[in-house]
C-alpha atoms as a PDB file:
ATOM      1  CA  UNK A   1      18.455  26.027 -28.433  1.00  0.00           C
ATOM      2  CA  UNK A   2      21.735  26.297 -30.247  1.00  0.00           C
ATOM      3  CA  UNK A   3      20.450  29.034 -32.901  1.00  0.00           C
ATOM      4  CA  UNK A   4      19.022  30.971 -29.908  1.00  0.00           C
ATOM      5  CA  UNK A   5      22.562  30.815 -27.826  1.00  0.00           C
ATOM      6  CA  UNK A   6      24.774  30.819 -30.817  1.00  0.00           C
ATOM      7  CA  UNK A   7      24.594  34.960 -31.071  1.00  0.00           C
ATOM      8  CA  UNK A   8      25.767  35.224 -27.698  1.00  0.00           C
ATOM      9  CA  UNK A   9      28.230  32.675 -27.642  1.00  0.00           C
ATOM     10  CA  UNK A  10      29.983  34.614 -30.593  1.00  0.00           C
ATOM     11  CA  UNK A  11      29.824  37.515 -28.911  1.00  0.00           C
ATOM     12  CA  UNK A  12      31.482  36.137 -25.751  1.00  0.00           C
ATOM     13  CA  UNK A  13      34.150  35.363 -27.711  1.00  0.00           C
ATOM     14  CA  UNK A  14      34.662  38.468 -29.787  1.00  0.00           C
ATOM     15  CA  UNK A  15      34.516  39.957 -26.385  1.00  0.00           C
ATOM     16  CA  UNK A  16      37.168  38.168 -25.100  1.00  0.00           C
ATOM     17  CA  UNK A  17      39.424  38.169 -28.630  1.00  0.00           C
ATOM     18  CA  UNK A  18      39.536  41.866 -29.292  1.00  0.00           C
ATOM     19  CA  UNK A  19      40.136  43.938 -26.419  1.00  0.00           C
ATOM     20  CA  UNK A  20      40.159  47.484 -28.193  1.00  0.00           C
ATOM     21  CA  UNK A  21      36.710  46.953 -29.409  1.00  0.00           C
ATOM     22  CA  UNK A  22      35.448  45.956 -25.374  1.00  0.00           C
ATOM     23  CA  UNK A  23      37.101  49.129 -24.126  1.00  0.00           C
ATOM     24  CA  UNK A  24      35.057  51.326 -27.002  1.00  0.00           C
ATOM     25  CA  UNK A  25      31.719  49.165 -26.208  1.00  0.00           C
ATOM     26  CA  UNK A  26      32.462  49.763 -22.384  1.00  0.00           C
ATOM     27  CA  UNK A  27      32.966  53.493 -23.181  1.00  0.00           C
ATOM     28  CA  UNK A  28      30.195  54.006 -24.872  1.00  0.00           C
ATOM     29  CA  UNK A  29      27.866  52.095 -22.712  1.00  0.00           C
ATOM     30  CA  UNK A  30      28.909  54.081 -19.636  1.00  0.00           C
ATOM     31  CA  UNK A  31      28.415  57.147 -21.608  1.00  0.00           C
ATOM     32  CA  UNK A  32      25.001  55.794 -22.733  1.00  0.00           C
ATOM     33  CA  UNK A  33      23.859  55.072 -19.362  1.00  0.00           C
ATOM     34  CA  UNK A  34      24.784  58.653 -17.595  1.00  0.00           C
ATOM     35  CA  UNK A  35      23.062  60.211 -20.857  1.00  0.00           C
ATOM     36  CA  UNK A  36      19.697  62.044 -19.922  1.00  0.00           C
ATOM     37  CA  UNK A  37      17.521  61.081 -23.175  1.00  0.00           C
ATOM     38  CA  UNK A  38      14.303  62.338 -21.820  1.00  0.00           C
ATOM     39  CA  UNK A  39      14.427  65.698 -24.163  1.00  0.00           C
ATOM     40  CA  UNK A  40      15.556  63.809 -27.181  1.00  0.00           C
ATOM     41  CA  UNK A  41      13.026  61.025 -26.805  1.00  0.00           C
ATOM     42  CA  UNK A  42      10.081  64.123 -26.265  1.00  0.00           C
ATOM     43  CA  UNK A  43      11.364  65.746 -29.581  1.00  0.00           C
ATOM     44  CA  UNK A  44      11.445  62.282 -31.441  1.00  0.00           C
ATOM     45  CA  UNK A  45       7.732  61.476 -30.343  1.00  0.00           C
ATOM     46  CA  UNK A  46       6.423  64.991 -30.831  1.00  0.00           C
ATOM     47  CA  UNK A  47       7.819  65.044 -34.621  1.00  0.00           C
ATOM     48  CA  UNK A  48       6.245  61.363 -34.947  1.00  0.00           C
ATOM     49  CA  UNK A  49       2.958  62.666 -33.825  1.00  0.00           C
ATOM     50  CA  UNK A  50       2.996  65.530 -36.277  1.00  0.00           C
ATOM     51  CA  UNK A  51       3.962  63.170 -39.304  1.00  0.00           C
ATOM     52  CA  UNK A  52       0.855  60.761 -38.134  1.00  0.00           C
ATOM     53  CA  UNK A  53      -1.463  64.008 -37.869  1.00  0.00           C
ATOM     54  CA  UNK A  54      -0.429  65.505 -41.298  1.00  0.00           C
ATOM     55  CA  UNK A  55      -0.704  61.922 -42.705  1.00  0.00           C
ATOM     56  CA  UNK A  56      -3.958  61.902 -41.317  1.00  0.00           C
ATOM     57  CA  UNK A  57      -5.365  64.905 -43.090  1.00  0.00           C
ATOM     58  CA  UNK A  58      -2.915  65.068 -46.238  1.00  0.00           C
ATOM     59  CA  UNK A  59      -2.001  61.657 -47.607  1.00  0.00           C
ATOM     60  CA  UNK A  60      -3.649  60.862 -50.670  1.00  0.00           C
ATOM     61  CA  UNK A  61      -6.357  58.066 -50.723  1.00  0.00           C
ATOM     62  CA  UNK A  62      -5.363  54.408 -50.384  1.00  0.00           C
ATOM     63  CA  UNK A  63      -1.974  54.779 -48.616  1.00  0.00           C
END
C-alpha cells in the first residue's frame, strides 16, 4: 500500500512547496481542458491506420 500511495504523497508535497510550478500546471490543465482535440486525434488515428495498412502490404516477412 505504501508503494502505491508514495507517488501521490510526493506529488502533494511538491504541489505545496513549489507554487510557481503549481501555477504553470494549473494554467496548462485549464487550457488543455478547454482545447478541442478531436481534429488532432482524428489525424493521429488516420496516420496510424495508414501506417498499419502500409505495414500489412509492404513489411518484410518475419517483421
